[in-house]
N, C-alpha and C. Protein backbone atom coordinates (compact mmCIF):
# COMPACT_ATOMS: atom_id res chain seq x y z
N MET A 1 9.49 -1.78 18.39
CA MET A 1 9.81 -2.93 17.57
C MET A 1 8.53 -3.59 17.05
N ALA A 2 7.55 -3.79 17.91
CA ALA A 2 6.30 -4.41 17.48
C ALA A 2 5.57 -3.51 16.50
N TYR A 3 5.66 -2.19 16.72
CA TYR A 3 5.02 -1.24 15.81
C TYR A 3 5.61 -1.38 14.40
N SER A 4 6.93 -1.41 14.32
CA SER A 4 7.60 -1.55 13.02
C SER A 4 7.23 -2.85 12.34
N ALA A 5 7.17 -3.93 13.09
CA ALA A 5 6.82 -5.23 12.52
C ALA A 5 5.38 -5.21 12.01
N SER A 6 4.50 -4.54 12.73
CA SER A 6 3.10 -4.45 12.30
C SER A 6 2.97 -3.64 11.01
N VAL A 7 3.67 -2.52 10.96
CA VAL A 7 3.65 -1.69 9.76
C VAL A 7 4.21 -2.48 8.58
N ASP A 8 5.32 -3.14 8.78
CA ASP A 8 5.91 -3.94 7.70
C ASP A 8 4.94 -5.02 7.22
N ALA A 9 4.26 -5.68 8.14
CA ALA A 9 3.32 -6.73 7.77
C ALA A 9 2.19 -6.18 6.91
N ILE A 10 1.67 -5.03 7.27
CA ILE A 10 0.60 -4.41 6.48
C ILE A 10 1.11 -4.03 5.10
N LEU A 11 2.27 -3.41 5.04
CA LEU A 11 2.79 -2.92 3.77
C LEU A 11 3.22 -4.03 2.82
N PHE A 12 3.69 -5.16 3.37
CA PHE A 12 4.20 -6.23 2.52
C PHE A 12 3.20 -7.33 2.23
N THR A 13 2.03 -7.29 2.86
CA THR A 13 0.99 -8.27 2.56
C THR A 13 0.20 -7.79 1.35
N PRO A 14 0.04 -8.62 0.33
CA PRO A 14 -0.71 -8.18 -0.85
C PRO A 14 -2.14 -7.77 -0.48
N ALA A 15 -2.58 -6.66 -1.05
CA ALA A 15 -3.94 -6.19 -0.82
C ALA A 15 -4.92 -7.11 -1.54
N GLU A 16 -5.99 -7.48 -0.85
CA GLU A 16 -7.02 -8.31 -1.46
C GLU A 16 -8.22 -7.50 -1.93
N THR A 17 -8.37 -6.30 -1.37
CA THR A 17 -9.51 -5.44 -1.71
C THR A 17 -9.04 -3.99 -1.82
N LEU A 18 -9.92 -3.15 -2.35
CA LEU A 18 -9.60 -1.72 -2.39
C LEU A 18 -9.50 -1.15 -0.98
N ALA A 19 -10.27 -1.71 -0.05
CA ALA A 19 -10.16 -1.27 1.34
C ALA A 19 -8.77 -1.55 1.90
N ASP A 20 -8.16 -2.66 1.48
CA ASP A 20 -6.79 -2.96 1.90
C ASP A 20 -5.82 -1.93 1.35
N ILE A 21 -6.04 -1.49 0.12
CA ILE A 21 -5.20 -0.44 -0.45
C ILE A 21 -5.33 0.83 0.37
N ARG A 22 -6.57 1.17 0.73
CA ARG A 22 -6.81 2.36 1.55
C ARG A 22 -6.08 2.25 2.88
N LEU A 23 -6.13 1.05 3.50
CA LEU A 23 -5.43 0.85 4.76
C LEU A 23 -3.93 1.07 4.59
N LYS A 24 -3.37 0.54 3.52
CA LYS A 24 -1.94 0.74 3.27
C LYS A 24 -1.60 2.22 3.14
N ILE A 25 -2.43 2.96 2.41
CA ILE A 25 -2.19 4.40 2.26
C ILE A 25 -2.26 5.10 3.61
N ASP A 26 -3.26 4.75 4.41
CA ASP A 26 -3.39 5.36 5.74
C ASP A 26 -2.19 5.04 6.63
N VAL A 27 -1.72 3.80 6.58
CA VAL A 27 -0.56 3.40 7.38
C VAL A 27 0.69 4.14 6.90
N MET A 28 0.83 4.27 5.59
CA MET A 28 1.98 4.99 5.05
C MET A 28 1.99 6.44 5.53
N ARG A 29 0.81 7.05 5.53
CA ARG A 29 0.71 8.43 6.00
C ARG A 29 1.03 8.53 7.49
N GLU A 30 0.41 7.66 8.27
CA GLU A 30 0.59 7.70 9.73
C GLU A 30 2.04 7.42 10.12
N ALA A 31 2.64 6.44 9.48
CA ALA A 31 4.02 6.07 9.81
C ALA A 31 5.04 6.98 9.15
N GLU A 32 4.56 7.86 8.25
CA GLU A 32 5.43 8.78 7.53
C GLU A 32 6.60 8.03 6.88
N ILE A 33 6.24 6.98 6.13
CA ILE A 33 7.29 6.14 5.57
C ILE A 33 8.17 6.88 4.57
N GLU A 34 7.66 7.95 3.98
CA GLU A 34 8.49 8.69 3.02
C GLU A 34 9.66 9.39 3.70
N ASP A 35 9.61 9.52 5.01
CA ASP A 35 10.68 10.17 5.76
C ASP A 35 11.68 9.18 6.34
N GLY A 36 12.14 8.26 5.50
CA GLY A 36 13.23 7.40 5.92
C GLY A 36 12.86 6.01 6.40
N TRP A 37 11.60 5.59 6.25
CA TRP A 37 11.27 4.21 6.62
C TRP A 37 12.14 3.28 5.79
N TRP A 38 12.64 2.24 6.38
CA TRP A 38 13.63 1.39 5.73
C TRP A 38 13.15 0.80 4.41
N CYS A 39 11.84 0.66 4.25
CA CYS A 39 11.31 -0.01 3.05
C CYS A 39 10.39 0.90 2.25
N ALA A 40 10.58 2.18 2.32
CA ALA A 40 9.66 3.12 1.68
C ALA A 40 9.49 2.86 0.18
N LYS A 41 10.57 2.74 -0.54
CA LYS A 41 10.47 2.53 -1.99
C LYS A 41 9.78 1.22 -2.32
N GLU A 42 10.11 0.18 -1.58
CA GLU A 42 9.49 -1.12 -1.81
C GLU A 42 8.00 -1.10 -1.50
N ALA A 43 7.63 -0.45 -0.39
CA ALA A 43 6.23 -0.37 0.00
C ALA A 43 5.40 0.39 -1.02
N ILE A 44 5.94 1.47 -1.53
CA ILE A 44 5.23 2.25 -2.55
C ILE A 44 5.11 1.45 -3.84
N ALA A 45 6.15 0.74 -4.21
CA ALA A 45 6.09 -0.10 -5.42
C ALA A 45 5.05 -1.20 -5.27
N LEU A 46 5.00 -1.83 -4.11
CA LEU A 46 4.00 -2.88 -3.88
C LEU A 46 2.58 -2.32 -3.88
N LEU A 47 2.41 -1.12 -3.35
CA LEU A 47 1.10 -0.47 -3.38
C LEU A 47 0.66 -0.24 -4.82
N ALA A 48 1.58 0.20 -5.65
CA ALA A 48 1.26 0.41 -7.07
C ALA A 48 0.87 -0.90 -7.75
N ILE A 49 1.57 -1.97 -7.43
CA ILE A 49 1.24 -3.28 -7.99
C ILE A 49 -0.15 -3.71 -7.54
N ASP A 50 -0.44 -3.54 -6.24
CA ASP A 50 -1.78 -3.88 -5.73
C ASP A 50 -2.86 -3.10 -6.46
N ALA A 51 -2.64 -1.80 -6.60
CA ALA A 51 -3.64 -0.95 -7.24
C ALA A 51 -3.86 -1.36 -8.69
N GLU A 52 -2.78 -1.62 -9.39
CA GLU A 52 -2.90 -2.03 -10.79
C GLU A 52 -3.67 -3.35 -10.92
N ARG A 53 -3.43 -4.25 -9.99
CA ARG A 53 -4.08 -5.55 -10.02
C ARG A 53 -5.57 -5.45 -9.68
N LEU A 54 -5.93 -4.57 -8.74
CA LEU A 54 -7.31 -4.52 -8.25
C LEU A 54 -8.22 -3.52 -8.95
N ILE A 55 -7.63 -2.50 -9.54
CA ILE A 55 -8.46 -1.47 -10.18
C ILE A 55 -8.65 -1.86 -11.64
N ASP A 56 -9.89 -1.94 -12.04
CA ASP A 56 -10.28 -2.35 -13.39
C ASP A 56 -10.02 -1.22 -14.37
N PRO A 57 -9.02 -1.36 -15.26
CA PRO A 57 -8.72 -0.28 -16.20
C PRO A 57 -9.84 -0.03 -17.20
N THR A 58 -10.69 -1.02 -17.44
CA THR A 58 -11.79 -0.82 -18.38
C THR A 58 -12.85 0.11 -17.80
N ARG A 59 -12.92 0.21 -16.47
CA ARG A 59 -13.88 1.12 -15.84
C ARG A 59 -13.56 2.56 -16.21
N GLU A 60 -12.30 2.90 -16.28
CA GLU A 60 -11.88 4.25 -16.65
C GLU A 60 -12.31 4.58 -18.08
N ALA A 61 -12.15 3.64 -18.97
CA ALA A 61 -12.48 3.86 -20.39
C ALA A 61 -13.99 3.97 -20.60
N ALA A 62 -14.78 3.35 -19.76
CA ALA A 62 -16.23 3.33 -19.94
C ALA A 62 -16.88 4.63 -19.49
N THR A 63 -16.20 5.41 -18.67
CA THR A 63 -16.83 6.65 -18.18
C THR A 63 -16.46 7.85 -19.00
């Protein structure tokens, strides 16, 4: 129960840094959320929102 609550807290807390995004990805892999975790779709959607917010799209165009 505590493990699930900890995973949920990590996945649902907005990422403040790219390192936070990395942590979310690592937790998703470790917890195997794609295999039936109750909030898999929501967690992946929130990760995408975090990434879009934190990754500078102009950096891609400059290289």
